[in-house]
Structure formats: structure tokens, C-alpha cells
Amino acid sequence: MLKTRVITAVLLLAVLLPVLFSGYQPAVNVVVAVFFGAAVWEAFRLFKNRAAIVVAAAWTAAFVYTFFFNSGLDQSKFWLGHWRRHLADPFRAVPETGLAAG
């Protein structure tokens, strides 16, 4: 079981990191929405909810509308830039927030 989880984590990182570092905002938005939907679906499936896929679709639609279409795009660009800088140099201060990274 641990082997399966490690393989899954490596594959997800292989998808996430290139998209994150590409800086192409629509691709990042799609990957975030897919990951969010998969996480909600998995959570409801763990509790043996028969409508897990329907609930996940509804939550994902609400997430996408709220975060990407309701002036949340500016926030996603801010956080995308923040995390790209943080991953590039995790020990420097982040001037946008005034907080030290890491």
C-alpha cells in the first residue's frame, strides 16, 4: 500500500511541478481544479457516500466559480508567483507579504 502511495505522489508531482513552473495561468487553474475535485471525490468516497462524484462535481464547480471567476484570479496569480519564488529560493524573505519564507 505504501508503494502505491509513493508512486501516486511521484506521478502527481511529475504533473504539478512542470505546470507550476511553466507560469501558464490557465494550465495552473485547470490542474488546481482537477486536484481539488479529486480530493473532494476521494474524501466523500472514503465515507462510502453513493453520490460522491456528484458532490465532488458540485464542490469543484463552486470552487472554480469562486476562485477563478469571482475576482479570485488576481489572488491565484499572486500565490502562483509567491510559490514559484519560494520554491526557487526557500530561504529569502517574501516582500509581498513581509514574511520570511520557510
N, C-alpha and C. Protein backbone atom coordinates (compact mmCIF):
# COMPACT_ATOMS: atom_id res chain seq x y z
N MET A 1 0.82 -1.19 0.00
CA MET A 1 0.00 0.00 0.00
C MET A 1 0.87 1.27 0.00
N LEU A 2 1.94 1.26 0.78
CA LEU A 2 2.84 2.41 0.81
C LEU A 2 3.49 2.62 -0.56
N LYS A 3 3.83 1.52 -1.22
CA LYS A 3 4.44 1.60 -2.55
C LYS A 3 3.49 2.31 -3.53
N THR A 4 2.22 1.98 -3.46
CA THR A 4 1.23 2.61 -4.33
C THR A 4 1.12 4.10 -4.04
N ARG A 5 1.13 4.47 -2.79
CA ARG A 5 1.05 5.89 -2.42
C ARG A 5 2.27 6.66 -2.88
N VAL A 6 3.44 6.07 -2.76
CA VAL A 6 4.66 6.73 -3.20
C VAL A 6 4.64 6.92 -4.72
N ILE A 7 4.22 5.91 -5.45
CA ILE A 7 4.14 6.01 -6.91
C ILE A 7 3.14 7.09 -7.30
N THR A 8 2.00 7.13 -6.62
CA THR A 8 0.99 8.15 -6.91
C THR A 8 1.53 9.55 -6.64
N ALA A 9 2.22 9.71 -5.52
CA ALA A 9 2.78 11.02 -5.18
C ALA A 9 3.81 11.47 -6.21
N VAL A 10 4.65 10.57 -6.65
CA VAL A 10 5.66 10.91 -7.65
C VAL A 10 4.99 11.30 -8.98
N LEU A 11 3.98 10.56 -9.38
CA LEU A 11 3.28 10.89 -10.62
C LEU A 11 2.56 12.24 -10.52
N LEU A 12 1.93 12.51 -9.39
CA LEU A 12 1.26 13.79 -9.23
C LEU A 12 2.26 14.95 -9.23
N LEU A 13 3.40 14.76 -8.60
CA LEU A 13 4.43 15.79 -8.64
C LEU A 13 4.97 15.98 -10.06
N ALA A 14 5.05 14.89 -10.82
CA ALA A 14 5.51 14.98 -12.20
C ALA A 14 4.54 15.80 -13.06
N VAL A 15 3.27 15.83 -12.68
CA VAL A 15 2.29 16.65 -13.38
C VAL A 15 2.29 18.07 -12.83
N LEU A 16 2.31 18.20 -11.51
CA LEU A 16 2.16 19.50 -10.87
C LEU A 16 3.34 20.44 -11.08
N LEU A 17 4.55 19.98 -10.87
CA LEU A 17 5.72 20.87 -10.91
C LEU A 17 5.96 21.50 -12.28
N PRO A 18 5.92 20.74 -13.38
CA PRO A 18 6.11 21.41 -14.68
C PRO A 18 5.02 22.45 -14.98
N VAL A 19 3.79 22.15 -14.61
CA VAL A 19 2.71 23.12 -14.84
C VAL A 19 2.91 24.35 -13.97
N LEU A 20 3.30 24.15 -12.73
CA LEU A 20 3.52 25.27 -11.81
C LEU A 20 4.66 26.16 -12.29
N PHE A 21 5.74 25.56 -12.71
CA PHE A 21 6.89 26.35 -13.15
C PHE A 21 6.75 26.89 -14.56
N SER A 22 5.76 26.41 -15.31
CA SER A 22 5.55 26.97 -16.65
C SER A 22 5.04 28.40 -16.57
N GLY A 23 4.31 28.70 -15.51
CA GLY A 23 3.77 30.04 -15.34
C GLY A 23 2.56 30.32 -16.22
N TYR A 24 2.07 29.32 -16.95
CA TYR A 24 0.91 29.49 -17.81
C TYR A 24 -0.35 29.36 -16.95
N GLN A 25 -0.97 30.50 -16.67
CA GLN A 25 -2.05 30.56 -15.70
C GLN A 25 -3.23 29.65 -16.00
N PRO A 26 -3.74 29.56 -17.24
CA PRO A 26 -4.87 28.65 -17.48
C PRO A 26 -4.54 27.19 -17.17
N ALA A 27 -3.31 26.76 -17.46
CA ALA A 27 -2.93 25.38 -17.15
C ALA A 27 -2.89 25.15 -15.65
N VAL A 28 -2.37 26.13 -14.92
CA VAL A 28 -2.34 26.02 -13.45
C VAL A 28 -3.75 25.95 -12.91
N ASN A 29 -4.65 26.77 -13.44
CA ASN A 29 -6.05 26.76 -12.98
C ASN A 29 -6.70 25.41 -13.21
N VAL A 30 -6.47 24.82 -14.37
CA VAL A 30 -7.07 23.51 -14.68
C VAL A 30 -6.53 22.44 -13.74
N VAL A 31 -5.21 22.43 -13.52
CA VAL A 31 -4.61 21.42 -12.64
C VAL A 31 -5.11 21.58 -11.21
N VAL A 32 -5.20 22.81 -10.73
CA VAL A 32 -5.70 23.04 -9.37
C VAL A 32 -7.15 22.56 -9.25
N ALA A 33 -7.96 22.86 -10.24
CA ALA A 33 -9.37 22.43 -10.20
C ALA A 33 -9.49 20.91 -10.24
N VAL A 34 -8.68 20.26 -11.06
CA VAL A 34 -8.71 18.79 -11.14
C VAL A 34 -8.26 18.18 -9.82
N PHE A 35 -7.18 18.70 -9.24
CA PHE A 35 -6.70 18.18 -7.96
C PHE A 35 -7.75 18.39 -6.87
N PHE A 36 -8.39 19.56 -6.87
CA PHE A 36 -9.42 19.84 -5.88
C PHE A 36 -10.58 18.87 -6.02
N GLY A 37 -11.05 18.67 -7.26
CA GLY A 37 -12.15 17.74 -7.50
C GLY A 37 -11.80 16.32 -7.08
N ALA A 38 -10.58 15.89 -7.38
CA ALA A 38 -10.15 14.55 -7.00
C ALA A 38 -10.08 14.40 -5.48
N ALA A 39 -9.63 15.43 -4.80
CA ALA A 39 -9.55 15.38 -3.33
C ALA A 39 -10.93 15.30 -2.70
N VAL A 40 -11.86 16.09 -3.20
CA VAL A 40 -13.23 16.05 -2.66
C VAL A 40 -13.88 14.71 -2.95
N TRP A 41 -13.71 14.21 -4.16
CA TRP A 41 -14.27 12.91 -4.52
C TRP A 41 -13.71 11.81 -3.62
N GLU A 42 -12.40 11.82 -3.40
CA GLU A 42 -11.77 10.81 -2.56
C GLU A 42 -12.27 10.90 -1.12
N ALA A 43 -12.42 12.12 -0.61
CA ALA A 43 -12.90 12.29 0.76
C ALA A 43 -14.31 11.73 0.92
N PHE A 44 -15.20 12.02 0.00
CA PHE A 44 -16.57 11.51 0.11
C PHE A 44 -16.64 10.02 -0.17
N ARG A 45 -15.75 9.53 -1.01
CA ARG A 45 -15.73 8.09 -1.30
C ARG A 45 -15.26 7.30 -0.07
N LEU A 46 -14.36 7.89 0.71
CA LEU A 46 -13.89 7.22 1.93
C LEU A 46 -15.04 6.96 2.91
N PHE A 47 -16.02 7.86 2.91
CA PHE A 47 -17.17 7.70 3.80
C PHE A 47 -18.31 6.94 3.14
N LYS A 48 -18.00 6.30 2.02
CA LYS A 48 -18.96 5.45 1.31
C LYS A 48 -20.23 6.20 0.90
N ASN A 49 -20.06 7.43 0.50
CA ASN A 49 -21.16 8.23 0.00
C ASN A 49 -21.47 7.79 -1.43
N ARG A 50 -22.70 7.41 -1.69
CA ARG A 50 -23.07 6.90 -3.02
C ARG A 50 -23.04 7.99 -4.09
N ALA A 51 -23.21 9.22 -3.69
CA ALA A 51 -23.21 10.34 -4.63
C ALA A 51 -21.89 11.11 -4.59
N ALA A 52 -20.79 10.42 -4.34
CA ALA A 52 -19.50 11.09 -4.18
C ALA A 52 -19.11 11.89 -5.41
N ILE A 53 -19.34 11.34 -6.59
CA ILE A 53 -18.95 12.05 -7.80
C ILE A 53 -19.81 13.28 -8.03
N VAL A 54 -21.09 13.20 -7.67
CA VAL A 54 -21.99 14.35 -7.82
C VAL A 54 -21.60 15.44 -6.83
N VAL A 55 -21.33 15.06 -5.60
CA VAL A 55 -20.91 16.03 -4.58
C VAL A 55 -19.58 16.66 -4.98
N ALA A 56 -18.65 15.86 -5.46
CA ALA A 56 -17.35 16.39 -5.89
C ALA A 56 -17.52 17.36 -7.05
N ALA A 57 -18.38 17.03 -7.99
CA ALA A 57 -18.62 17.94 -9.12
C ALA A 57 -19.21 19.26 -8.65
N ALA A 58 -20.14 19.20 -7.70
CA ALA A 58 -20.76 20.43 -7.19
C ALA A 58 -19.75 21.28 -6.44
N TRP A 59 -18.96 20.67 -5.57
CA TRP A 59 -17.94 21.41 -4.82
C TRP A 59 -16.89 21.98 -5.75
N THR A 60 -16.51 21.23 -6.76
CA THR A 60 -15.50 21.71 -7.70
C THR A 60 -16.04 22.88 -8.52
N ALA A 61 -17.28 22.79 -8.93
CA ALA A 61 -17.90 23.91 -9.67
C ALA A 61 -17.95 25.16 -8.79
N ALA A 62 -18.32 25.00 -7.52
CA ALA A 62 -18.35 26.14 -6.60
C ALA A 62 -16.95 26.71 -6.40
N PHE A 63 -15.96 25.84 -6.28
CA PHE A 63 -14.57 26.27 -6.10
C PHE A 63 -14.09 27.04 -7.33
N VAL A 64 -14.34 26.49 -8.51
CA VAL A 64 -13.89 27.13 -9.75
C VAL A 64 -14.55 28.49 -9.91
N TYR A 65 -15.84 28.57 -9.68
CA TYR A 65 -16.53 29.86 -9.80
C TYR A 65 -15.99 30.87 -8.80
N THR A 66 -15.87 30.47 -7.55
CA THR A 66 -15.44 31.39 -6.51
C THR A 66 -14.00 31.85 -6.70
N PHE A 67 -13.13 30.92 -7.00
CA PHE A 67 -11.71 31.25 -7.03
C PHE A 67 -11.27 31.84 -8.36
N PHE A 68 -11.82 31.38 -9.48
CA PHE A 68 -11.32 31.80 -10.78
C PHE A 68 -12.20 32.83 -11.49
N PHE A 69 -13.48 32.89 -11.16
CA PHE A 69 -14.37 33.80 -11.89
C PHE A 69 -14.93 34.92 -11.02
N ASN A 70 -14.61 34.93 -9.77
CA ASN A 70 -15.16 35.94 -8.87
C ASN A 70 -14.02 36.77 -8.29
N SER A 71 -13.20 37.35 -9.15
CA SER A 71 -12.03 38.17 -8.81
C SER A 71 -10.99 37.39 -8.01
N GLY A 72 -11.07 36.09 -8.03
CA GLY A 72 -10.06 35.29 -7.36
C GLY A 72 -8.84 35.06 -8.23
N LEU A 73 -8.94 35.40 -9.52
CA LEU A 73 -7.81 35.19 -10.43
C LEU A 73 -6.61 36.02 -10.01
N ASP A 74 -6.84 37.24 -9.52
CA ASP A 74 -5.72 38.05 -9.04
C ASP A 74 -5.02 37.37 -7.88
N GLN A 75 -5.80 36.74 -7.00
CA GLN A 75 -5.21 36.02 -5.88
C GLN A 75 -4.42 34.81 -6.36
N SER A 76 -4.93 34.09 -7.35
CA SER A 76 -4.22 32.92 -7.82
C SER A 76 -2.92 33.31 -8.49
N LYS A 77 -2.89 34.42 -9.21
CA LYS A 77 -1.64 34.90 -9.81
C LYS A 77 -0.65 35.29 -8.72
N PHE A 78 -1.13 35.93 -7.67
CA PHE A 78 -0.26 36.30 -6.56
C PHE A 78 0.36 35.07 -5.92
N TRP A 79 -0.46 34.06 -5.61
CA TRP A 79 0.06 32.88 -4.95
C TRP A 79 0.93 32.04 -5.87
N LEU A 80 0.60 32.00 -7.17
CA LEU A 80 1.45 31.29 -8.12
C LEU A 80 2.85 31.91 -8.12
N GLY A 81 2.91 33.23 -8.20
CA GLY A 81 4.21 33.91 -8.17
C GLY A 81 4.92 33.71 -6.85
N HIS A 82 4.17 33.76 -5.76
CA HIS A 82 4.75 33.57 -4.43
C HIS A 82 5.40 32.19 -4.31
N TRP A 83 4.68 31.15 -4.70
CA TRP A 83 5.22 29.80 -4.55
C TRP A 83 6.33 29.51 -5.54
N ARG A 84 6.28 30.10 -6.72
CA ARG A 84 7.39 29.91 -7.66
C ARG A 84 8.66 30.51 -7.09
N ARG A 85 8.56 31.72 -6.49
CA ARG A 85 9.75 32.33 -5.87
C ARG A 85 10.20 31.54 -4.65
N HIS A 86 9.24 31.04 -3.87
CA HIS A 86 9.58 30.29 -2.67
C HIS A 86 10.28 28.98 -3.02
N LEU A 87 9.81 28.29 -4.05
CA LEU A 87 10.45 27.04 -4.44
C LEU A 87 11.82 27.28 -5.07
N ALA A 88 11.98 28.42 -5.74
CA ALA A 88 13.27 28.73 -6.36
C ALA A 88 14.32 29.06 -5.30
N ASP A 89 13.93 29.80 -4.25
CA ASP A 89 14.87 30.18 -3.19
C ASP A 89 14.11 30.19 -1.86
N PRO A 90 14.03 29.06 -1.17
CA PRO A 90 13.17 28.96 0.01
C PRO A 90 13.64 29.74 1.24
N PHE A 91 14.85 30.31 1.21
CA PHE A 91 15.36 30.96 2.41
C PHE A 91 15.37 32.48 2.33
N ARG A 92 14.80 33.05 1.29
CA ARG A 92 14.78 34.51 1.21
C ARG A 92 13.44 35.04 1.69
N ALA A 93 13.42 36.32 2.05
CA ALA A 93 12.19 36.95 2.51
C ALA A 93 11.26 37.18 1.32
N VAL A 94 9.97 37.18 1.59
CA VAL A 94 8.98 37.40 0.54
C VAL A 94 8.43 38.82 0.74
N PRO A 95 8.82 39.78 -0.10
CA PRO A 95 8.42 41.17 0.14
C PRO A 95 6.93 41.43 0.01
N GLU A 96 6.20 40.64 -0.78
CA GLU A 96 4.76 40.90 -0.92
C GLU A 96 4.01 40.70 0.38
N THR A 97 4.48 39.77 1.20
CA THR A 97 3.77 39.50 2.46
C THR A 97 4.49 40.05 3.67
N GLY A 98 5.77 40.39 3.50
CA GLY A 98 6.54 40.88 4.63
C GLY A 98 7.00 39.76 5.56
N LEU A 99 6.78 38.51 5.17
CA LEU A 99 7.14 37.38 5.99
C LEU A 99 8.38 36.69 5.42
N ALA A 100 9.14 36.10 6.28
CA ALA A 100 10.28 35.31 5.81
C ALA A 100 9.77 33.99 5.27
N ALA A 101 10.29 33.58 4.15
CA ALA A 101 9.88 32.31 3.56
C ALA A 101 10.45 31.17 4.38
N GLY A 102 9.73 30.06 4.39
CA GLY A 102 10.22 28.85 5.05
C GLY A 102 10.19 28.99 6.50
